[in-house]
Amino acid sequence: MESCRKNAILLPNPITQVAGMPYSLYLSLQGKYFLGSSGDLTFGNGANAWAGLFNPCNSRVNLHVYSWEVANTGTTPVRVRIYFNSCPPGQGTLVDAVYPGNTALCPPPRPRINLYRASDVSGEPEGGVKVFVRRALPGVTVGDEEVGKFIFPPGGSFLLFLSDPETPDEPASATLGFSWWEEAIN
């Protein structure tokens, strides 16, 4: 299997932004825009789940959150708490389902930001700041476009923490999605 497709576009970097071009497109053309999904997270029955973007201390980039979403795939309402720079409970697993927005670049860009996830954990996030709470009904997706206004330096994190306080003895599940860009620190 070839490492790059024959019709891949080799674009010089940086690309000049033109008036009217959405900033997310400009970043994607440069290979700085990424997307990732947690896959199905399970919780409920007294346990919680989470997924989040973590900027390693040695990344040399700032993380700009573009969008996030929570798809409630279960049969009970889900509470979504959003935390900045907190330490989540349990042992997180690095998610492999992270991709550049621009698949035409060869070689494809690799993100410096890590996406971690955890299911069926006990406890609450420690430290950081709980910034807001959302509720997702069964079969409903909630989320928002932050358009890069949430910025995290190396060592920072953006966390979505899931629980089921309305029916704590029932199983729950959800899938979380993220998009972000990475801007080099000078």
Protein backbone atom coordinates (compact mmCIF):
# COMPACT_ATOMS: atom_id res chain seq x y z
CA MET A 1 0.00 0.00 0.00
CA GLU A 2 1.37 3.39 -0.95
CA SER A 3 1.99 5.87 1.86
CA CYS A 4 0.35 8.64 -0.19
CA ARG A 5 -2.32 8.44 -2.83
CA LYS A 6 -1.29 9.19 -6.40
CA ASN A 7 -3.72 12.10 -6.66
CA ALA A 8 -2.75 13.70 -3.34
CA ILE A 9 -2.11 17.40 -3.50
CA LEU A 10 1.22 18.70 -2.26
CA LEU A 11 0.50 22.22 -1.06
CA PRO A 12 3.10 24.72 0.07
CA ASN A 13 2.76 25.98 3.61
CA PRO A 14 1.79 28.61 4.65
CA ILE A 15 -1.21 29.32 2.45
CA THR A 16 -2.34 32.91 2.03
CA GLN A 17 -5.76 33.66 3.42
CA VAL A 18 -8.07 35.57 1.11
CA ALA A 19 -11.05 37.75 1.98
CA GLY A 20 -14.23 35.73 2.40
CA MET A 21 -12.40 32.45 3.12
CA PRO A 22 -13.68 30.85 6.34
CA TYR A 23 -10.87 30.67 8.88
CA SER A 24 -11.49 26.95 9.44
CA LEU A 25 -10.89 26.32 5.72
CA TYR A 26 -7.70 28.37 5.82
CA LEU A 27 -6.45 26.27 8.77
CA SER A 28 -7.48 23.00 7.12
CA LEU A 29 -5.59 23.93 3.95
CA GLN A 30 -2.49 24.35 6.12
CA GLY A 31 -2.99 20.98 7.84
CA LYS A 32 -3.72 22.51 11.26
CA TYR A 33 -7.39 21.43 11.60
CA PHE A 34 -8.28 18.04 13.15
CA LEU A 35 -11.33 15.97 14.08
CA GLY A 36 -11.81 13.10 16.50
CA SER A 37 -14.48 10.87 18.01
CA SER A 38 -14.56 9.04 21.34
CA GLY A 39 -16.47 6.05 20.04
CA ASP A 40 -19.25 4.69 22.26
CA LEU A 41 -18.81 5.50 25.95
CA THR A 42 -20.75 3.54 28.56
CA PHE A 43 -21.73 4.74 32.03
CA GLY A 44 -24.73 4.89 34.32
CA ASN A 45 -25.37 2.34 37.05
CA GLY A 46 -23.51 4.73 39.38
CA ALA A 47 -20.56 5.29 37.01
CA ASN A 48 -19.51 8.20 34.78
CA ALA A 49 -17.64 8.63 31.49
CA TRP A 50 -15.54 11.32 29.83
CA ALA A 51 -13.55 12.30 26.77
CA GLY A 52 -11.36 15.30 26.21
CA LEU A 53 -8.62 17.07 24.33
CA PHE A 54 -5.32 17.22 26.20
CA ASN A 55 -2.46 19.48 25.14
CA PRO A 56 0.85 17.82 26.13
CA CYS A 57 3.32 20.00 28.06
CA ASN A 58 5.88 19.68 25.24
CA SER A 59 3.50 20.21 22.29
CA ARG A 60 4.73 23.72 21.36
CA VAL A 61 1.16 24.53 20.17
CA ASN A 62 -1.94 26.18 21.55
CA LEU A 63 -5.15 24.14 21.28
CA HIS A 64 -8.13 26.05 19.85
CA VAL A 65 -11.44 24.18 20.29
CA TYR A 66 -13.58 24.65 17.19
CA SER A 67 -16.56 22.43 18.05
CA TRP A 68 -17.77 19.66 20.34
CA GLU A 69 -20.81 17.40 20.39
CA VAL A 70 -22.39 14.72 22.52
CA ALA A 71 -24.69 12.18 20.86
CA ASN A 72 -26.81 10.45 23.50
CA THR A 73 -27.05 6.90 22.14
CA GLY A 74 -28.77 5.53 25.24
CA THR A 75 -32.30 5.48 26.61
CA THR A 76 -31.85 7.89 29.54
CA PRO A 77 -31.09 11.62 29.77
CA VAL A 78 -27.40 12.52 30.07
CA ARG A 79 -25.79 15.42 31.93
CA VAL A 80 -22.76 16.90 30.15
CA ARG A 81 -20.37 19.01 32.21
CA ILE A 82 -17.62 20.93 30.44
CA TYR A 83 -14.35 21.48 32.29
CA PHE A 84 -11.27 23.53 31.50
CA ASN A 85 -7.87 22.27 32.69
CA SER A 86 -9.11 19.56 35.05
CA CYS A 87 -7.85 16.08 35.89
CA PRO A 88 -10.56 13.48 35.15
CA PRO A 89 -11.06 10.34 37.24
CA GLY A 90 -10.11 6.85 36.11
CA GLN A 91 -7.59 5.70 33.55
CA GLY A 92 -7.99 7.35 30.15
CA THR A 93 -7.31 5.57 26.87
CA LEU A 94 -5.71 7.36 23.92
CA VAL A 95 -8.17 7.52 20.99
CA ASP A 96 -6.85 6.53 17.56
CA ALA A 97 -9.86 7.95 15.69
CA VAL A 98 -8.26 11.38 15.10
CA TYR A 99 -7.87 12.72 11.56
CA PRO A 100 -6.73 15.84 9.75
CA GLY A 101 -9.49 17.86 8.12
CA ASN A 102 -7.41 18.06 4.95
CA THR A 103 -6.95 14.53 3.61
CA ALA A 104 -5.34 15.80 0.39
CA LEU A 105 -2.03 16.64 2.06
CA CYS A 106 0.76 14.11 1.64
CA PRO A 107 2.05 13.08 4.06
CA PRO A 108 -1.03 13.72 6.19
CA PRO A 109 -0.45 16.07 9.13
CA ARG A 110 -0.37 14.52 12.60
CA PRO A 111 -1.95 16.26 15.56
CA ARG A 112 0.05 17.17 18.64
CA ILE A 113 -3.09 17.31 20.76
CA ASN A 114 -4.24 14.01 22.30
CA LEU A 115 -7.83 12.80 22.55
CA TYR A 116 -8.43 10.53 25.56
CA ARG A 117 -11.60 8.72 26.71
CA ALA A 118 -12.81 6.64 29.65
CA SER A 119 -15.98 4.66 30.36
CA ASP A 120 -17.49 3.43 33.62
CA VAL A 121 -15.36 5.50 35.99
CA SER A 122 -16.17 6.60 39.52
CA GLY A 123 -15.38 10.01 40.92
CA GLU A 124 -15.41 13.57 39.64
CA PRO A 125 -12.85 15.74 37.82
CA GLU A 126 -10.34 17.46 40.10
CA GLY A 127 -8.97 20.96 39.72
CA GLY A 128 -9.66 23.18 36.77
CA VAL A 129 -12.95 24.95 36.23
CA LYS A 130 -16.44 23.64 35.44
CA VAL A 131 -17.56 26.20 32.87
CA PHE A 132 -21.04 25.03 31.89
CA VAL A 133 -23.54 22.16 31.88
CA ARG A 134 -25.77 20.78 29.13
CA ARG A 135 -28.46 18.08 29.09
CA ALA A 136 -28.92 15.57 26.26
CA LEU A 137 -32.19 13.66 25.99
CA PRO A 138 -32.18 10.08 24.62
CA GLY A 139 -31.47 10.02 20.91
CA VAL A 140 -30.50 13.71 20.87
CA THR A 141 -27.16 15.35 20.01
CA VAL A 142 -26.07 18.52 21.79
CA GLY A 143 -22.98 20.59 21.10
CA ASP A 144 -21.65 23.92 20.02
CA GLU A 145 -19.27 25.65 17.63
CA GLU A 146 -16.74 27.53 19.72
CA VAL A 147 -14.85 28.68 16.60
CA GLY A 148 -11.51 28.63 18.41
CA LYS A 149 -12.44 30.91 21.31
CA PHE A 150 -11.51 28.25 23.89
CA ILE A 151 -7.69 28.28 23.89
CA PHE A 152 -5.47 25.93 25.89
CA PRO A 153 -1.70 26.23 26.16
CA PRO A 154 0.61 23.23 26.63
CA GLY A 155 -0.55 21.38 29.74
CA GLY A 156 -4.18 22.50 29.31
CA SER A 157 -7.29 20.43 28.57
CA PHE A 158 -10.90 20.60 27.38
CA LEU A 159 -13.03 17.87 29.00
CA LEU A 160 -16.61 16.63 28.47
CA PHE A 161 -17.75 14.72 31.58
CA LEU A 162 -20.89 12.55 31.37
CA SER A 163 -23.21 11.35 34.10
CA ASP A 164 -26.79 10.14 34.51
CA PRO A 165 -28.17 11.81 37.66
CA GLU A 166 -31.85 11.48 36.70
CA THR A 167 -31.79 7.68 36.40
CA PRO A 168 -28.53 6.69 38.13
CA ASP A 169 -29.38 2.98 38.28
CA GLU A 170 -29.88 2.67 34.52
CA PRO A 171 -27.23 2.09 31.84
CA ALA A 172 -26.31 5.05 29.64
CA SER A 173 -24.18 5.60 26.55
CA ALA A 174 -22.97 8.43 24.34
CA THR A 175 -20.48 9.27 21.61
CA LEU A 176 -18.46 12.49 21.76
CA GLY A 177 -16.98 14.39 18.83
CA PHE A 178 -14.42 17.19 18.71
CA SER A 179 -12.84 19.47 16.13
CA TRP A 180 -9.91 21.77 16.80
CA TRP A 181 -6.90 23.48 15.36
CA GLU A 182 -3.35 23.78 16.57
CA GLU A 183 -1.41 27.03 16.39
CA ALA A 184 2.37 27.00 16.86
CA ILE A 185 3.68 29.00 19.80
CA ASN A 186 6.44 31.41 18.78
